[in-house]
Amino acid sequence: MSAYVLKVVIAGEGSVGKTSLLMRFTKGIFIENTKMTIGVDFSAVKIRASTSLGEKVITLQIWDFGGEERFRFILPGYVVGASGAILCFDLTKPSTLESLPEWIELIRSKVPDIPIILVGTKSDLVEYRKVDHDVAEQKVKEWGLSGYIEVSSKSGDNIGYVFGLLSQEMLMKIEKNKPV
């Protein structure tokens, strides 16, 4: 069974739920009021993924970027060497979706063909929702992203699916680029 170490970046505006997504995935917990990420935070987790060439063990090195404007300048340096990215926005705040082209540009300036998954957070807040699923799907096409998933870090809905889909995308890219 082959093993890979893949670097993943999580980016988006402040308070959209990036740290909650990471905590739910890596530790299985939800903290109601997380502290603002100062600069960047790091976690690692091992997962198994199936590909056309069999099962793989992957260590995901996940980098969670602070969304505040004052930390934005450090992102390009940390993106170097990344195999995949997760871009988060808050389904209750349309402005957090509209700001994502800046994040995409920052990421793709260092890794042009990186798989990026768009993630709408806080899907459990149904009564406060302001971004329709179709609008987000249209942005995926417009921005050339790899997919769209809505999650709730509070309930855990679709958290594993985000990282599973991104892992599949990263592995397909690796296998496609391997010499035969």
Protein backbone atom coordinates (compact mmCIF):
# COMPACT_ATOMS: atom_id res chain seq x y z
CA MET A 1 0.00 0.00 0.00
CA SER A 2 1.50 3.32 -1.12
CA ALA A 3 1.80 6.24 1.28
CA TYR A 4 1.68 9.94 0.47
CA VAL A 5 2.21 13.11 2.46
CA LEU A 6 0.05 15.85 0.98
CA LYS A 7 -0.11 19.50 2.00
CA VAL A 8 -3.60 21.05 2.14
CA VAL A 9 -4.39 24.71 2.77
CA ILE A 10 -7.68 25.99 4.18
CA ALA A 11 -8.40 29.63 3.35
CA GLY A 12 -11.19 32.19 3.36
CA GLU A 13 -12.35 35.25 5.26
CA GLY A 14 -12.19 35.48 9.05
CA SER A 15 -14.97 33.81 11.08
CA VAL A 16 -16.29 31.62 8.24
CA GLY A 17 -15.54 28.40 10.15
CA LYS A 18 -12.14 27.24 8.86
CA THR A 19 -10.80 26.32 12.29
CA SER A 20 -14.09 24.62 13.24
CA LEU A 21 -13.90 22.54 10.04
CA LEU A 22 -10.33 21.53 10.88
CA MET A 23 -11.14 20.72 14.53
CA ARG A 24 -14.16 18.60 13.57
CA PHE A 25 -12.14 16.67 10.99
CA THR A 26 -8.93 16.14 12.98
CA LYS A 27 -10.28 15.85 16.54
CA GLY A 28 -13.97 15.09 16.05
CA ILE A 29 -15.04 18.03 18.21
CA PHE A 30 -16.94 21.28 17.80
CA ILE A 31 -16.05 24.31 19.90
CA GLU A 32 -18.80 26.95 19.91
CA ASN A 33 -16.50 29.98 20.07
CA THR A 34 -13.08 29.31 18.59
CA LYS A 35 -10.33 31.89 18.91
CA MET A 36 -9.26 33.83 15.84
CA THR A 37 -6.37 32.13 14.06
CA ILE A 38 -3.30 34.34 14.29
CA GLY A 39 -1.38 33.86 11.05
CA VAL A 40 -1.47 30.13 10.44
CA ASP A 41 -2.22 26.92 12.35
CA PHE A 42 -1.17 23.37 11.45
CA SER A 43 -2.56 19.86 11.95
CA ALA A 44 -1.79 16.45 10.47
CA VAL A 45 -4.02 13.42 10.06
CA LYS A 46 -3.73 10.01 8.33
CA ILE A 47 -6.52 8.76 6.11
CA ARG A 48 -7.07 5.93 3.63
CA ALA A 49 -8.24 6.64 0.10
CA SER A 50 -9.11 4.32 -2.76
CA THR A 51 -7.91 5.11 -6.25
CA SER A 52 -7.87 3.37 -9.62
CA LEU A 53 -4.46 1.99 -8.59
CA GLY A 54 -5.62 0.64 -5.22
CA GLU A 55 -5.84 1.86 -1.66
CA LYS A 56 -3.45 4.56 -0.46
CA VAL A 57 -2.52 5.83 2.98
CA ILE A 58 -2.31 9.60 3.00
CA THR A 59 -0.98 11.92 5.64
CA LEU A 60 -2.69 15.25 5.20
CA GLN A 61 -0.68 18.20 6.49
CA ILE A 62 -3.44 20.78 6.89
CA TRP A 63 -2.60 24.48 7.12
CA ASP A 64 -5.38 26.73 8.46
CA PHE A 65 -4.87 30.38 7.50
CA GLY A 66 -6.11 33.32 9.50
CA GLY A 67 -8.70 35.13 7.41
CA GLU A 68 -8.00 38.63 8.64
CA GLU A 69 -6.62 41.05 6.04
CA ARG A 70 -3.48 41.68 8.11
CA PHE A 71 -2.39 38.03 7.77
CA ARG A 72 -2.99 37.76 4.03
CA PHE A 73 0.60 38.60 3.09
CA ILE A 74 1.91 35.32 4.59
CA LEU A 75 -0.40 33.05 2.60
CA PRO A 76 1.57 32.90 -0.68
CA GLY A 77 4.69 31.62 1.10
CA TYR A 78 2.78 28.85 2.87
CA VAL A 79 0.93 27.76 -0.28
CA VAL A 80 4.18 26.68 -1.98
CA GLY A 81 4.23 22.89 -2.16
CA ALA A 82 0.51 22.48 -1.49
CA SER A 83 -1.29 19.61 -3.23
CA GLY A 84 -4.83 20.86 -2.58
CA ALA A 85 -6.87 23.69 -1.13
CA ILE A 86 -10.19 24.18 0.62
CA LEU A 87 -11.82 27.60 0.24
CA CYS A 88 -14.45 28.31 2.87
CA PHE A 89 -17.29 30.80 2.93
CA ASP A 90 -20.18 31.32 5.35
CA LEU A 91 -23.59 30.43 3.87
CA THR A 92 -25.14 33.17 6.03
CA LYS A 93 -22.80 35.92 4.72
CA PRO A 94 -22.72 36.39 0.91
CA SER A 95 -19.76 38.79 1.15
CA THR A 96 -17.55 35.88 2.25
CA LEU A 97 -18.29 34.12 -1.06
CA GLU A 98 -17.75 37.25 -3.14
CA SER A 99 -14.29 37.83 -1.60
CA LEU A 100 -12.96 34.41 -2.69
CA PRO A 101 -11.44 35.44 -6.07
CA GLU A 102 -8.69 37.23 -4.11
CA TRP A 103 -7.95 34.00 -2.21
CA ILE A 104 -7.98 31.96 -5.42
CA GLU A 105 -5.48 34.37 -6.99
CA LEU A 106 -3.20 34.17 -3.92
CA ILE A 107 -3.23 30.36 -4.05
CA ARG A 108 -2.93 29.93 -7.81
CA SER A 109 -0.12 32.48 -8.02
CA LYS A 110 2.08 29.84 -6.34
CA VAL A 111 0.41 26.58 -7.43
CA PRO A 112 -1.46 27.24 -10.72
CA ASP A 113 -3.12 23.84 -11.24
CA ILE A 114 -3.97 23.03 -7.62
CA PRO A 115 -7.30 21.25 -6.96
CA ILE A 116 -9.55 23.59 -4.94
CA ILE A 117 -12.79 22.55 -3.24
CA LEU A 118 -15.32 25.28 -2.39
CA VAL A 119 -16.94 24.73 1.01
CA GLY A 120 -20.07 26.48 2.26
CA THR A 121 -19.97 26.41 6.05
CA LYS A 122 -22.68 26.64 8.72
CA SER A 123 -25.24 24.66 6.72
CA ASP A 124 -27.06 23.93 10.00
CA LEU A 125 -28.12 27.61 10.22
CA VAL A 126 -30.93 27.04 7.71
CA GLU A 127 -33.05 29.98 8.86
CA TYR A 128 -30.13 32.41 8.35
CA ARG A 129 -28.96 31.09 5.00
CA LYS A 130 -28.37 33.75 2.33
CA VAL A 131 -26.39 31.90 -0.36
CA ASP A 132 -28.29 29.42 -2.55
CA HIS A 133 -26.68 26.13 -3.52
CA ASP A 134 -27.05 27.00 -7.23
CA VAL A 135 -25.18 30.29 -6.78
CA ALA A 136 -22.22 28.49 -5.19
CA GLU A 137 -22.26 25.79 -7.91
CA GLN A 138 -22.13 28.54 -10.54
CA LYS A 139 -19.06 30.05 -8.81
CA VAL A 140 -17.33 26.65 -8.99
CA LYS A 141 -17.73 26.70 -12.78
CA GLU A 142 -16.86 30.39 -13.10
CA TRP A 143 -13.70 30.07 -11.01
CA GLY A 144 -12.60 26.65 -12.35
CA LEU A 145 -12.75 24.85 -9.00
CA SER A 146 -12.87 21.08 -8.41
CA GLY A 147 -16.18 20.87 -6.53
CA TYR A 148 -18.60 22.30 -3.99
CA ILE A 149 -19.75 20.89 -0.65
CA GLU A 150 -21.89 22.36 2.13
CA VAL A 151 -20.90 21.42 5.67
CA SER A 152 -21.83 21.87 9.30
CA SER A 153 -18.93 21.64 11.71
CA LYS A 154 -21.47 21.70 14.53
CA SER A 155 -23.28 18.53 13.39
CA GLY A 156 -20.34 17.05 11.47
CA ASP A 157 -22.36 16.85 8.22
CA ASN A 158 -20.12 16.32 5.17
CA ILE A 159 -16.85 17.11 7.00
CA GLY A 160 -15.21 13.81 6.03
CA TYR A 161 -16.59 14.13 2.51
CA VAL A 162 -14.71 17.43 1.97
CA PHE A 163 -11.34 15.87 2.80
CA GLY A 164 -12.19 12.63 0.99
CA LEU A 165 -13.11 14.45 -2.22
CA LEU A 166 -10.02 16.67 -2.05
CA SER A 167 -7.82 13.62 -1.40
CA GLN A 168 -9.29 11.89 -4.47
CA GLU A 169 -8.63 15.00 -6.58
CA MET A 170 -5.04 15.26 -5.35
CA LEU A 171 -4.34 11.55 -5.93
CA MET A 172 -5.85 11.64 -9.43
CA LYS A 173 -3.56 14.54 -10.27
CA ILE A 174 -0.52 12.69 -8.91
CA GLU A 175 -1.37 9.47 -10.77
CA LYS A 176 -2.08 11.37 -14.01
CA ASN A 177 1.34 13.02 -13.83
CA LYS A 178 3.29 9.83 -13.00
CA PRO A 179 5.53 8.54 -15.76
CA VAL A 180 4.28 5.26 -17.23
